[in-house]
Amino acid sequence: MKARIMNKLGEIQISSEVIAMYAGITAVECFGIVGMAAVSMKDGLVKLLKRESLTHGINVDIREDHMSIDFHVIVAYGVSICAVADNLIENVKYKVEAFTGMEVDKINIYVEGVRVID
């Protein structure tokens, strides 16, 4: 699905994959986030995604002039998950709204694993 924004000069379309990539880059910059996770439903395995594959751990649902974003993340061991989630929501909401000009209604965070950072 694509986000559509109308202005006086015409229409702007933004792919949901572009929004997912931008949100993913913003997310991995947040303290306590190790990376995005890919979940294999048949195996029940969680895999840490490389930076090039961030969009596989993010789902963007666009509805008219607003959107919701789902994150499947792996957090660092020893950090407060609540604090990390609040920070992630605040940063992503602000940056994605500024980037797209659309409202972010909801951000869901699914913690798929914990990793020790060396």
PDB file of N, CA and C in Angstrom:
ATOM      1  N   MET A   1       0.849  -1.172   0.000  1.00  0.00           N
ATOM      2  CA  MET A   1       0.000   0.000   0.000  1.00  0.00           C
ATOM      3  C   MET A   1       0.897   1.238   0.000  1.00  0.00           C
ATOM      4  N   LYS A   2       0.398   2.296  -0.561  1.00  0.00           N
ATOM      5  CA  LYS A   2       1.164   3.531  -0.630  1.00  0.00           C
ATOM      6  C   LYS A   2       0.428   4.643   0.100  1.00  0.00           C
ATOM      7  N   ALA A   3       1.207   5.500   0.751  1.00  0.00           N
ATOM      8  CA  ALA A   3       0.654   6.693   1.377  1.00  0.00           C
ATOM      9  C   ALA A   3       0.462   7.731   0.277  1.00  0.00           C
ATOM     10  N   ARG A   4      -0.680   8.379   0.266  1.00  0.00           N
ATOM     11  CA  ARG A   4      -0.967   9.399  -0.738  1.00  0.00           C
ATOM     12  C   ARG A   4      -1.192  10.727  -0.037  1.00  0.00           C
ATOM     13  N   ILE A   5      -0.430  11.715  -0.458  1.00  0.00           N
ATOM     14  CA  ILE A   5      -0.538  13.058   0.112  1.00  0.00           C
ATOM     15  C   ILE A   5      -0.818  14.014  -1.042  1.00  0.00           C
ATOM     16  N   MET A   6      -1.893  14.766  -0.920  1.00  0.00           N
ATOM     17  CA  MET A   6      -2.261  15.732  -1.957  1.00  0.00           C
ATOM     18  C   MET A   6      -1.780  17.119  -1.542  1.00  0.00           C
ATOM     19  N   ASN A   7      -1.223  17.858  -2.499  1.00  0.00           N
ATOM     20  CA  ASN A   7      -0.894  19.261  -2.274  1.00  0.00           C
ATOM     21  C   ASN A   7      -1.319  20.051  -3.504  1.00  0.00           C
ATOM     22  N   LYS A   8      -1.060  21.344  -3.514  1.00  0.00           N
ATOM     23  CA  LYS A   8      -1.547  22.184  -4.608  1.00  0.00           C
ATOM     24  C   LYS A   8      -0.868  21.878  -5.945  1.00  0.00           C
ATOM     25  N   LEU A   9       0.290  21.229  -5.918  1.00  0.00           N
ATOM     26  CA  LEU A   9       1.006  20.909  -7.147  1.00  0.00           C
ATOM     27  C   LEU A   9       0.702  19.511  -7.677  1.00  0.00           C
ATOM     28  N   GLY A  10       0.081  18.669  -6.876  1.00  0.00           N
ATOM     29  CA  GLY A  10      -0.231  17.311  -7.317  1.00  0.00           C
ATOM     30  C   GLY A  10      -0.265  16.323  -6.171  1.00  0.00           C
ATOM     31  N   GLU A  11       0.040  15.082  -6.489  1.00  0.00           N
ATOM     32  CA  GLU A  11      -0.036  13.996  -5.510  1.00  0.00           C
ATOM     33  C   GLU A  11       1.351  13.431  -5.241  1.00  0.00           C
ATOM     34  N   ILE A  12       1.595  13.105  -3.972  1.00  0.00           N
ATOM     35  CA  ILE A  12       2.840  12.458  -3.564  1.00  0.00           C
ATOM     36  C   ILE A  12       2.479  11.068  -3.057  1.00  0.00           C
ATOM     37  N   GLN A  13       3.188  10.048  -3.560  1.00  0.00           N
ATOM     38  CA  GLN A  13       2.970   8.681  -3.107  1.00  0.00           C
ATOM     39  C   GLN A  13       4.242   8.171  -2.453  1.00  0.00           C
ATOM     40  N   ILE A  14       4.077   7.610  -1.251  1.00  0.00           N
ATOM     41  CA  ILE A  14       5.216   7.050  -0.527  1.00  0.00           C
ATOM     42  C   ILE A  14       4.923   5.576  -0.272  1.00  0.00           C
ATOM     43  N   SER A  15       5.808   4.712  -0.719  1.00  0.00           N
ATOM     44  CA  SER A  15       5.645   3.273  -0.533  1.00  0.00           C
ATOM     45  C   SER A  15       5.756   2.913   0.947  1.00  0.00           C
ATOM     46  N   SER A  16       4.994   1.906   1.366  1.00  0.00           N
ATOM     47  CA  SER A  16       5.067   1.458   2.763  1.00  0.00           C
ATOM     48  C   SER A  16       6.445   0.882   3.082  1.00  0.00           C
ATOM     49  N   GLU A  17       7.149   0.347   2.078  1.00  0.00           N
ATOM     50  CA  GLU A  17       8.505  -0.165   2.303  1.00  0.00           C
ATOM     51  C   GLU A  17       9.488   0.962   2.599  1.00  0.00           C
ATOM     52  N   VAL A  18       9.299   2.118   1.984  1.00  0.00           N
ATOM     53  CA  VAL A  18      10.152   3.279   2.264  1.00  0.00           C
ATOM     54  C   VAL A  18       9.928   3.747   3.699  1.00  0.00           C
ATOM     55  N   ILE A  19       8.670   3.794   4.110  1.00  0.00           N
ATOM     56  CA  ILE A  19       8.346   4.192   5.483  1.00  0.00           C
ATOM     57  C   ILE A  19       8.915   3.175   6.469  1.00  0.00           C
ATOM     58  N   ALA A  20       8.809   1.878   6.139  1.00  0.00           N
ATOM     59  CA  ALA A  20       9.347   0.829   7.007  1.00  0.00           C
ATOM     60  C   ALA A  20      10.861   0.947   7.131  1.00  0.00           C
ATOM     61  N   MET A  21      11.556   1.231   6.038  1.00  0.00           N
ATOM     62  CA  MET A  21      13.016   1.384   6.079  1.00  0.00           C
ATOM     63  C   MET A  21      13.410   2.578   6.936  1.00  0.00           C
ATOM     64  N   TYR A  22      12.709   3.696   6.768  1.00  0.00           N
ATOM     65  CA  TYR A  22      13.003   4.894   7.563  1.00  0.00           C
ATOM     66  C   TYR A  22      12.737   4.636   9.044  1.00  0.00           C
ATOM     67  N   ALA A  23      11.614   3.988   9.342  1.00  0.00           N
ATOM     68  CA  ALA A  23      11.283   3.660  10.736  1.00  0.00           C
ATOM     69  C   ALA A  23      12.303   2.688  11.325  1.00  0.00           C
ATOM     70  N   GLY A  24      12.782   1.736  10.517  1.00  0.00           N
ATOM     71  CA  GLY A  24      13.776   0.768  10.984  1.00  0.00           C
ATOM     72  C   GLY A  24      15.110   1.409  11.291  1.00  0.00           C
ATOM     73  N   ILE A  25      15.532   2.333  10.443  1.00  0.00           N
ATOM     74  CA  ILE A  25      16.794   3.045  10.690  1.00  0.00           C
ATOM     75  C   ILE A  25      16.685   3.874  11.956  1.00  0.00           C
ATOM     76  N   THR A  26      15.536   4.509  12.146  1.00  0.00           N
ATOM     77  CA  THR A  26      15.304   5.292  13.365  1.00  0.00           C
ATOM     78  C   THR A  26      15.296   4.384  14.586  1.00  0.00           C
ATOM     79  N   ALA A  27      14.689   3.212  14.466  1.00  0.00           N
ATOM     80  CA  ALA A  27      14.580   2.283  15.603  1.00  0.00           C
ATOM     81  C   ALA A  27      15.935   1.761  16.057  1.00  0.00           C
ATOM     82  N   VAL A  28      16.797   1.367  15.118  1.00  0.00           N
ATOM     83  CA  VAL A  28      18.083   0.802  15.534  1.00  0.00           C
ATOM     84  C   VAL A  28      19.017   1.857  16.115  1.00  0.00           C
ATOM     85  N   GLU A  29      18.702   3.133  15.927  1.00  0.00           N
ATOM     86  CA  GLU A  29      19.480   4.203  16.555  1.00  0.00           C
ATOM     87  C   GLU A  29      19.093   4.399  18.024  1.00  0.00           C
ATOM     88  N   CYS A  30      17.956   3.837  18.437  1.00  0.00           N
ATOM     89  CA  CYS A  30      17.475   4.000  19.805  1.00  0.00           C
ATOM     90  C   CYS A  30      18.289   3.136  20.772  1.00  0.00           C
ATOM     91  N   PHE A  31      18.526   3.672  21.965  1.00  0.00           N
ATOM     92  CA  PHE A  31      19.249   2.953  23.007  1.00  0.00           C
ATOM     93  C   PHE A  31      18.494   1.685  23.385  1.00  0.00           C
ATOM     94  N   GLY A  32      19.221   0.579  23.478  1.00  0.00           N
ATOM     95  CA  GLY A  32      18.638  -0.678  23.943  1.00  0.00           C
ATOM     96  C   GLY A  32      18.118  -1.585  22.848  1.00  0.00           C
ATOM     97  N   ILE A  33      18.026  -1.090  21.610  1.00  0.00           N
ATOM     98  CA  ILE A  33      17.563  -1.913  20.501  1.00  0.00           C
ATOM     99  C   ILE A  33      18.784  -2.517  19.811  1.00  0.00           C
ATOM    100  N   VAL A  34      18.861  -3.843  19.804  1.00  0.00           N
ATOM    101  CA  VAL A  34      19.960  -4.537  19.140  1.00  0.00           C
ATOM    102  C   VAL A  34      19.688  -4.597  17.638  1.00  0.00           C
ATOM    103  N   GLY A  35      18.440  -4.836  17.270  1.00  0.00           N
ATOM    104  CA  GLY A  35      18.065  -4.903  15.861  1.00  0.00           C
ATOM    105  C   GLY A  35      16.652  -5.399  15.683  1.00  0.00           C
ATOM    106  N   MET A  36      16.257  -5.554  14.417  1.00  0.00           N
ATOM    107  CA  MET A  36      14.940  -6.079  14.080  1.00  0.00           C
ATOM    108  C   MET A  36      15.016  -7.599  14.052  1.00  0.00           C
ATOM    109  N   ALA A  37      13.876  -8.232  14.259  1.00  0.00           N
ATOM    110  CA  ALA A  37      13.825  -9.688  14.307  1.00  0.00           C
ATOM    111  C   ALA A  37      12.909 -10.215  13.218  1.00  0.00           C
ATOM    112  N   ALA A  38      13.306 -11.315  12.605  1.00  0.00           N
ATOM    113  CA  ALA A  38      12.453 -12.055  11.680  1.00  0.00           C
ATOM    114  C   ALA A  38      12.011 -13.313  12.404  1.00  0.00           C
ATOM    115  N   VAL A  39      10.711 -13.541  12.447  1.00  0.00           N
ATOM    116  CA  VAL A  39      10.182 -14.692  13.156  1.00  0.00           C
ATOM    117  C   VAL A  39       9.715 -15.723  12.136  1.00  0.00           C
ATOM    118  N   SER A  40      10.230 -16.940  12.250  1.00  0.00           N
ATOM    119  CA  SER A  40       9.804 -18.037  11.389  1.00  0.00           C
ATOM    120  C   SER A  40       8.654 -18.750  12.088  1.00  0.00           C
ATOM    121  N   MET A  41       7.467 -18.639  11.524  1.00  0.00           N
ATOM    122  CA  MET A  41       6.285 -19.225  12.161  1.00  0.00           C
ATOM    123  C   MET A  41       6.344 -20.756  12.205  1.00  0.00           C
ATOM    124  N   LYS A  42       6.879 -21.375  11.160  1.00  0.00           N
ATOM    125  CA  LYS A  42       6.890 -22.832  11.153  1.00  0.00           C
ATOM    126  C   LYS A  42       7.887 -23.409  12.159  1.00  0.00           C
ATOM    127  N   ASP A  43       9.015 -22.719  12.372  1.00  0.00           N
ATOM    128  CA  ASP A  43      10.028 -23.204  13.299  1.00  0.00           C
ATOM    129  C   ASP A  43       9.926 -22.569  14.684  1.00  0.00           C
ATOM    130  N   GLY A  44       9.312 -21.391  14.752  1.00  0.00           N
ATOM    131  CA  GLY A  44       9.272 -20.659  16.004  1.00  0.00           C
ATOM    132  C   GLY A  44      10.602 -20.019  16.345  1.00  0.00           C
ATOM    133  N   LEU A  45      11.483 -19.886  15.345  1.00  0.00           N
ATOM    134  CA  LEU A  45      12.814 -19.318  15.560  1.00  0.00           C
ATOM    135  C   LEU A  45      12.811 -17.815  15.323  1.00  0.00           C
ATOM    136  N   VAL A  46      13.661 -17.128  16.059  1.00  0.00           N
ATOM    137  CA  VAL A  46      13.833 -15.686  15.901  1.00  0.00           C
ATOM    138  C   VAL A  46      15.236 -15.442  15.384  1.00  0.00           C
ATOM    139  N   LYS A  47      15.350 -14.617  14.351  1.00  0.00           N
ATOM    140  CA  LYS A  47      16.647 -14.350  13.741  1.00  0.00           C
ATOM    141  C   LYS A  47      16.886 -12.850  13.717  1.00  0.00           C
ATOM    142  N   LEU A  48      18.076 -12.441  14.133  1.00  0.00           N
ATOM    143  CA  LEU A  48      18.470 -11.038  14.074  1.00  0.00           C
ATOM    144  C   LEU A  48      18.737 -10.674  12.620  1.00  0.00           C
ATOM    145  N   LEU A  49      18.061  -9.624  12.152  1.00  0.00           N
ATOM    146  CA  LEU A  49      18.208  -9.211  10.754  1.00  0.00           C
ATOM    147  C   LEU A  49      19.391  -8.274  10.580  1.00  0.00           C
ATOM    148  N   LYS A  50      20.019  -8.350   9.420  1.00  0.00           N
ATOM    149  CA  LYS A  50      21.095  -7.422   9.088  1.00  0.00           C
ATOM    150  C   LYS A  50      20.491  -6.071   8.747  1.00  0.00           C
ATOM    151  N   ARG A  51      21.315  -5.057   8.745  1.00  0.00           N
ATOM    152  CA  ARG A  51      20.847  -3.692   8.495  1.00  0.00           C
ATOM    153  C   ARG A  51      20.161  -3.554   7.135  1.00  0.00           C
ATOM    154  N   GLU A  52      20.557  -4.346   6.144  1.00  0.00           N
ATOM    155  CA  GLU A  52      19.946  -4.278   4.821  1.00  0.00           C
ATOM    156  C   GLU A  52      18.544  -4.873   4.805  1.00  0.00           C
ATOM    157  N   SER A  53      18.190  -5.667   5.798  1.00  0.00           N
ATOM    158  CA  SER A  53      16.904  -6.377   5.823  1.00  0.00           C
ATOM    159  C   SER A  53      15.960  -5.855   6.906  1.00  0.00           C
ATOM    160  N   LEU A  54      16.105  -4.617   7.289  1.00  0.00           N
ATOM    161  CA  LEU A  54      15.305  -4.073   8.390  1.00  0.00           C
ATOM    162  C   LEU A  54      13.804  -4.154   8.141  1.00  0.00           C
ATOM    163  N   THR A  55      13.387  -4.021   6.894  1.00  0.00           N
ATOM    164  CA  THR A  55      11.949  -3.952   6.610  1.00  0.00           C
ATOM    165  C   THR A  55      11.230  -5.265   6.892  1.00  0.00           C
ATOM    166  N   HIS A  56      11.955  -6.390   6.990  1.00  0.00           N
ATOM    167  CA  HIS A  56      11.306  -7.671   7.268  1.00  0.00           C
ATOM    168  C   HIS A  56      10.805  -7.755   8.707  1.00  0.00           C
ATOM    169  N   GLY A  57      11.339  -6.948   9.600  1.00  0.00           N
ATOM    170  CA  GLY A  57      10.899  -6.945  10.993  1.00  0.00           C
ATOM    171  C   GLY A  57       9.896  -5.850  11.298  1.00  0.00           C
ATOM    172  N   ILE A  58       9.437  -5.144  10.250  1.00  0.00           N
ATOM    173  CA  ILE A  58       8.530  -4.011  10.439  1.00  0.00           C
ATOM    174  C   ILE A  58       7.349  -4.150   9.492  1.00  0.00           C
ATOM    175  N   ASN A  59       6.155  -3.905  10.012  1.00  0.00           N
ATOM    176  CA  ASN A  59       4.947  -3.922   9.197  1.00  0.00           C
ATOM    177  C   ASN A  59       4.283  -2.551   9.289  1.00  0.00           C
ATOM    178  N   VAL A  60       4.051  -1.904   8.147  1.00  0.00           N
ATOM    179  CA  VAL A  60       3.407  -0.593   8.098  1.00  0.00           C
ATOM    180  C   VAL A  60       2.031  -0.767   7.481  1.00  0.00           C
ATOM    181  N   ASP A  61       0.997  -0.322   8.199  1.00  0.00           N
ATOM    182  CA  ASP A  61      -0.378  -0.381   7.712  1.00  0.00           C
ATOM    183  C   ASP A  61      -0.866   1.052   7.506  1.00  0.00           C
ATOM    184  N   ILE A  62      -1.151   1.410   6.253  1.00  0.00           N
ATOM    185  CA  ILE A  62      -1.534   2.782   5.921  1.00  0.00           C
ATOM    186  C   ILE A  62      -3.033   2.838   5.655  1.00  0.00           C
ATOM    187  N   ARG A  63      -3.695   3.776   6.308  1.00  0.00           N
ATOM    188  CA  ARG A  63      -5.124   4.034   6.121  1.00  0.00           C
ATOM    189  C   ARG A  63      -5.308   5.523   5.859  1.00  0.00           C
ATOM    190  N   GLU A  64      -5.731   5.868   4.671  1.00  0.00           N
ATOM    191  CA  GLU A  64      -5.989   7.247   4.260  1.00  0.00           C
ATOM    192  C   GLU A  64      -4.916   8.228   4.732  1.00  0.00           C
ATOM    193  N   ASP A  65      -5.128   8.962   5.835  1.00  0.00           N
ATOM    194  CA  ASP A  65      -4.152   9.977   6.258  1.00  0.00           C
ATOM    195  C   ASP A  65      -3.453   9.617   7.564  1.00  0.00           C
ATOM    196  N   HIS A  66      -3.498   8.356   7.967  1.00  0.00           N
ATOM    197  CA  HIS A  66      -2.794   7.914   9.180  1.00  0.00           C
ATOM    198  C   HIS A  66      -2.279   6.497   8.979  1.00  0.00           C
ATOM    199  N   MET A  67      -1.413   6.065   9.889  1.00  0.00           N
ATOM    200  CA  MET A  67      -0.815   4.733   9.750  1.00  0.00           C
ATOM    201  C   MET A  67      -0.530   4.117  11.108  1.00  0.00           C
ATOM    202  N   SER A  68      -0.308   2.803  11.100  1.00  0.00           N
ATOM    203  CA  SER A  68       0.167   2.098  12.292  1.00  0.00           C
ATOM    204  C   SER A  68       1.396   1.294  11.887  1.00  0.00           C
ATOM    205  N   ILE A  69       2.312   1.149  12.841  1.00  0.00           N
ATOM    206  CA  ILE A  69       3.578   0.468  12.572  1.00  0.00           C
ATOM    207  C   ILE A  69       3.798  -0.603  13.637  1.00  0.00           C
ATOM    208  N   ASP A  70       4.142  -1.814  13.188  1.00  0.00           N
ATOM    209  CA  ASP A  70       4.479  -2.921  14.083  1.00  0.00           C
ATOM    210  C   ASP A  70       5.975  -3.205  13.976  1.00  0.00           C
ATOM    211  N   PHE A  71       6.634  -3.301  15.132  1.00  0.00           N
ATOM    212  CA  PHE A  71       8.058  -3.609  15.193  1.00  0.00           C
ATOM    213  C   PHE A  71       8.257  -4.950  15.878  1.00  0.00           C
ATOM    214  N   HIS A  72       9.094  -5.805  15.302  1.00  0.00           N
ATOM    215  CA  HIS A  72       9.545  -7.032  15.948  1.00  0.00           C
ATOM    216  C   HIS A  72      11.022  -6.799  16.240  1.00  0.00           C
ATOM    217  N   VAL A  73      11.346  -6.626  17.531  1.00  0.00           N
ATOM    218  CA  VAL A  73      12.688  -6.194  17.902  1.00  0.00           C
ATOM    219  C   VAL A  73      13.389  -7.186  18.821  1.00  0.00           C
ATOM    220  N   ILE A  74      14.693  -7.055  18.862  1.00  0.00           N
ATOM    221  CA  ILE A  74      15.527  -7.751  19.833  1.00  0.00           C
ATOM    222  C   ILE A  74      16.175  -6.665  20.682  1.00  0.00           C
ATOM    223  N   VAL A  75      16.025  -6.773  21.998  1.00  0.00           N
ATOM    224  CA  VAL A  75      16.549  -5.746  22.900  1.00  0.00           C
ATOM    225  C   VAL A  75      17.832  -6.229  23.574  1.00  0.00           C
ATOM    226  N   ALA A  76      18.583  -5.276  24.078  1.00  0.00           N
ATOM    227  CA  ALA A  76      19.824  -5.575  24.782  1.00  0.00           C
ATOM    228  C   ALA A  76      19.518  -6.119  26.178  1.00  0.00           C
ATOM    229  N   TYR A  77      20.335  -7.050  26.622  1.00  0.00           N
ATOM    230  CA  TYR A  77      20.189  -7.622  27.957  1.00  0.00           C
ATOM    231  C   TYR A  77      20.498  -6.556  29.012  1.00  0.00           C
ATOM    232  N   GLY A  78      19.670  -6.500  30.057  1.00  0.00           N
ATOM    233  CA  GLY A  78      19.927  -5.622  31.192  1.00  0.00           C
ATOM    234  C   GLY A  78      19.281  -4.253  31.106  1.00  0.00           C
ATOM    235  N   VAL A  79      18.595  -3.950  30.020  1.00  0.00           N
ATOM    236  CA  VAL A  79      17.930  -2.647  29.918  1.00  0.00           C
ATOM    237  C   VAL A  79      16.453  -2.813  30.269  1.00  0.00           C
ATOM    238  N   SER A  80      15.824  -1.725  30.659  1.00  0.00           N
ATOM    239  CA  SER A  80      14.394  -1.730  30.951  1.00  0.00           C
ATOM    240  C   SER A  80      13.624  -1.773  29.632  1.00  0.00           C
ATOM    241  N   ILE A  81      12.875  -2.827  29.421  1.00  0.00           N
ATOM    242  CA  ILE A  81      12.113  -2.972  28.184  1.00  0.00           C
ATOM    243  C   ILE A  81      11.087  -1.849  28.059  1.00  0.00           C
ATOM    244  N   CYS A  82      10.491  -1.474  29.171  1.00  0.00           N
ATOM    245  CA  CYS A  82       9.504  -0.388  29.157  1.00  0.00           C
ATOM    246  C   CYS A  82      10.142   0.925  28.712  1.00  0.00           C
ATOM    247  N   ALA A  83      11.310   1.235  29.243  1.00  0.00           N
ATOM    248  CA  ALA A  83      12.000   2.478  28.874  1.00  0.00           C
ATOM    249  C   ALA A  83      12.434   2.454  27.414  1.00  0.00           C
ATOM    250  N   VAL A  84      12.922   1.307  26.949  1.00  0.00           N
ATOM    251  CA  VAL A  84      13.338   1.172  25.553  1.00  0.00           C
ATOM    252  C   VAL A  84      12.131   1.339  24.631  1.00  0.00           C
ATOM    253  N   ALA A  85      11.012   0.714  24.986  1.00  0.00           N
ATOM    254  CA  ALA A  85       9.803   0.809  24.167  1.00  0.00           C
ATOM    255  C   ALA A  85       9.278   2.245  24.115  1.00  0.00           C
ATOM    256  N   ASP A  86       9.249   2.926  25.258  1.00  0.00           N
ATOM    257  CA  ASP A  86       8.798   4.328  25.284  1.00  0.00           C
ATOM    258  C   ASP A  86       9.685   5.205  24.416  1.00  0.00           C
ATOM    259  N   ASN A  87      10.992   5.012  24.497  1.00  0.00           N
ATOM    260  CA  ASN A  87      11.943   5.778  23.698  1.00  0.00           C
ATOM    261  C   ASN A  87      11.747   5.495  22.206  1.00  0.00           C
ATOM    262  N   LEU A  88      11.574   4.229  21.868  1.00  0.00           N
ATOM    263  CA  LEU A  88      11.358   3.835  20.474  1.00  0.00           C
ATOM    264  C   LEU A  88      10.081   4.467  19.921  1.00  0.00           C
ATOM    265  N   ILE A  89       9.010   4.384  20.664  1.00  0.00           N
ATOM    266  CA  ILE A  89       7.732   4.945  20.214  1.00  0.00           C
ATOM    267  C   ILE A  89       7.847   6.446  20.002  1.00  0.00           C
ATOM    268  N   GLU A  90       8.428   7.144  20.959  1.00  0.00           N
ATOM    269  CA  GLU A  90       8.550   8.596  20.867  1.00  0.00           C
ATOM    270  C   GLU A  90       9.392   9.024  19.668  1.00  0.00           C
ATOM    271  N   ASN A  91      10.564   8.400  19.491  1.00  0.00           N
ATOM    272  CA  ASN A  91      11.461   8.758  18.386  1.00  0.00           C
ATOM    273  C   ASN A  91      10.859   8.432  17.021  1.00  0.00           C
ATOM    274  N   VAL A  92      10.317   7.227  16.877  1.00  0.00           N
ATOM    275  CA  VAL A  92       9.764   6.819  15.590  1.00  0.00           C
ATOM    276  C   VAL A  92       8.546   7.658  15.229  1.00  0.00           C
ATOM    277  N   LYS A  93       7.670   7.891  16.184  1.00  0.00           N
ATOM    278  CA  LYS A  93       6.465   8.690  15.920  1.00  0.00           C
ATOM    279  C   LYS A  93       6.848  10.082  15.432  1.00  0.00           C
ATOM    280  N   TYR A  94       7.771  10.729  16.132  1.00  0.00           N
ATOM    281  CA  TYR A  94       8.176  12.083  15.763  1.00  0.00           C
ATOM    282  C   TYR A  94       8.830  12.119  14.371  1.00  0.00           C
ATOM    283  N   LYS A  95       9.791  11.224  14.144  1.00  0.00           N
ATOM    284  CA  LYS A  95      10.543  11.268  12.887  1.00  0.00           C
ATOM    285  C   LYS A  95       9.716  10.826  11.685  1.00  0.00           C
ATOM    286  N   VAL A  96       8.879   9.807  11.831  1.00  0.00           N
ATOM    287  CA  VAL A  96       8.059   9.342  10.712  1.00  0.00           C
ATOM    288  C   VAL A  96       6.988  10.377  10.365  1.00  0.00           C
ATOM    289  N   GLU A  97       6.392  11.004  11.373  1.00  0.00           N
ATOM    290  CA  GLU A  97       5.402  12.051  11.099  1.00  0.00           C
ATOM    291  C   GLU A  97       6.041  13.238  10.388  1.00  0.00           C
ATOM    292  N   ALA A  98       7.251  13.618  10.795  1.00  0.00           N
ATOM    293  CA  ALA A  98       7.957  14.715  10.130  1.00  0.00           C
ATOM    294  C   ALA A  98       8.362  14.318   8.707  1.00  0.00           C
ATOM    295  N   PHE A  99       8.743  13.076   8.499  1.00  0.00           N
ATOM    296  CA  PHE A  99       9.191  12.577   7.197  1.00  0.00           C
ATOM    297  C   PHE A  99       8.043  12.484   6.190  1.00  0.00           C
ATOM    298  N   THR A 100       6.888  11.976   6.651  1.00  0.00           N
ATOM    299  CA  THR A 100       5.780  11.709   5.727  1.00  0.00           C
ATOM    300  C   THR A 100       4.700  12.780   5.726  1.00  0.00           C
ATOM    301  N   GLY A 101       4.570  13.518   6.814  1.00  0.00           N
ATOM    302  CA  GLY A 101       3.466  14.468   6.928  1.00  0.00           C
ATOM    303  C   GLY A 101       2.153  13.806   7.291  1.00  0.00           C
ATOM    304  N   MET A 102       2.205  12.520   7.643  1.00  0.00           N
ATOM    305  CA  MET A 102       1.011  11.769   8.036  1.00  0.00           C
ATOM    306  C   MET A 102       1.073  11.451   9.522  1.00  0.00           C
ATOM    307  N   GLU A 103      -0.091  11.230  10.109  1.00  0.00           N
ATOM    308  CA  GLU A 103      -0.172  10.916  11.531  1.00  0.00           C
ATOM    309  C   GLU A 103       0.082   9.427  11.764  1.00  0.00           C
ATOM    310  N   VAL A 104       0.878   9.125  12.791  1.00  0.00           N
ATOM    311  CA  VAL A 104       1.096   7.743  13.218  1.00  0.00           C
ATOM    312  C   VAL A 104       0.157   7.498  14.393  1.00  0.00           C
ATOM    313  N   ASP A 105      -0.866   6.666  14.151  1.00  0.00           N
ATOM    314  CA  ASP A 105      -1.874   6.378  15.176  1.00  0.00           C
ATOM    315  C   ASP A 105      -1.365   5.448  16.256  1.00  0.00           C
ATOM    316  N   LYS A 106      -0.691   4.390  15.812  1.00  0.00           N
ATOM    317  CA  LYS A 106      -0.347   3.336  16.753  1.00  0.00           C
ATOM    318  C   LYS A 106       0.995   2.740  16.388  1.00  0.00           C
ATOM    319  N   ILE A 107       1.803   2.455  17.412  1.00  0.00           N
ATOM    320  CA  ILE A 107       3.056   1.730  17.228  1.00  0.00           C
ATOM    321  C   ILE A 107       3.033   0.544  18.187  1.00  0.00           C
ATOM    322  N   ASN A 108       3.067  -0.654  17.622  1.00  0.00           N
ATOM    323  CA  ASN A 108       3.088  -1.878  18.415  1.00  0.00           C
ATOM    324  C   ASN A 108       4.508  -2.432  18.414  1.00  0.00           C
ATOM    325  N   ILE A 109       4.981  -2.820  19.587  1.00  0.00           N
ATOM    326  CA  ILE A 109       6.330  -3.364  19.704  1.00  0.00           C
ATOM    327  C   ILE A 109       6.242  -4.790  20.243  1.00  0.00           C
ATOM    328  N   TYR A 110       6.810  -5.715  19.489  1.00  0.00           N
ATOM    329  CA  TYR A 110       6.853  -7.112  19.885  1.00  0.00           C
ATOM    330  C   TYR A 110       8.311  -7.457  20.166  1.00  0.00           C
ATOM    331  N   VAL A 111       8.628  -7.711  21.434  1.00  0.00           N
ATOM    332  CA  VAL A 111       9.995  -8.071  21.813  1.00  0.00           C
ATOM    333  C   VAL A 111      10.149  -9.567  21.558  1.00  0.00           C
ATOM    334  N   GLU A 112      10.963  -9.895  20.572  1.00  0.00           N
ATOM    335  CA  GLU A 112      11.131 -11.286  20.142  1.00  0.00           C
ATOM    336  C   GLU A 112      12.332 -11.967  20.787  1.00  0.00           C
ATOM    337  N   GLY A 113      13.222 -11.171  21.411  1.00  0.00           N
ATOM    338  CA  GLY A 113      14.379 -11.781  22.028  1.00  0.00           C
ATOM    339  C   GLY A 113      15.234 -10.779  22.763  1.00  0.00           C
ATOM    340  N   VAL A 114      16.212 -11.318  23.494  1.00  0.00           N
ATOM    341  CA  VAL A 114      17.148 -10.503  24.263  1.00  0.00           C
ATOM    342  C   VAL A 114      18.550 -10.987  23.904  1.00  0.00           C
ATOM    343  N   ARG A 115      19.456 -10.039  23.683  1.00  0.00           N
ATOM    344  CA  ARG A 115      20.844 -10.384  23.344  1.00  0.00           C
ATOM    345  C   ARG A 115      21.803  -9.652  24.249  1.00  0.00           C
ATOM    346  N   VAL A 116      22.885 -10.309  24.584  1.00  0.00           N
ATOM    347  CA  VAL A 116      23.961  -9.688  25.347  1.00  0.00           C
ATOM    348  C   VAL A 116      24.847  -8.947  24.362  1.00  0.00           C
ATOM    349  N   ILE A 117      25.134  -7.682  24.650  1.00  0.00           N
ATOM    350  CA  ILE A 117      25.986  -6.887  23.783  1.00  0.00           C
ATOM    351  C   ILE A 117      27.389  -6.885  24.376  1.00  0.00           C
ATOM    352  N   ASP A 118      28.371  -7.222  23.556  1.00  0.00           N
ATOM    353  CA  ASP A 118      29.768  -7.251  24.022  1.00  0.00           C
ATOM    354  C   ASP A 118      30.369  -5.869  24.019  1.00  0.00           C
TER     355      ASP A 118
END
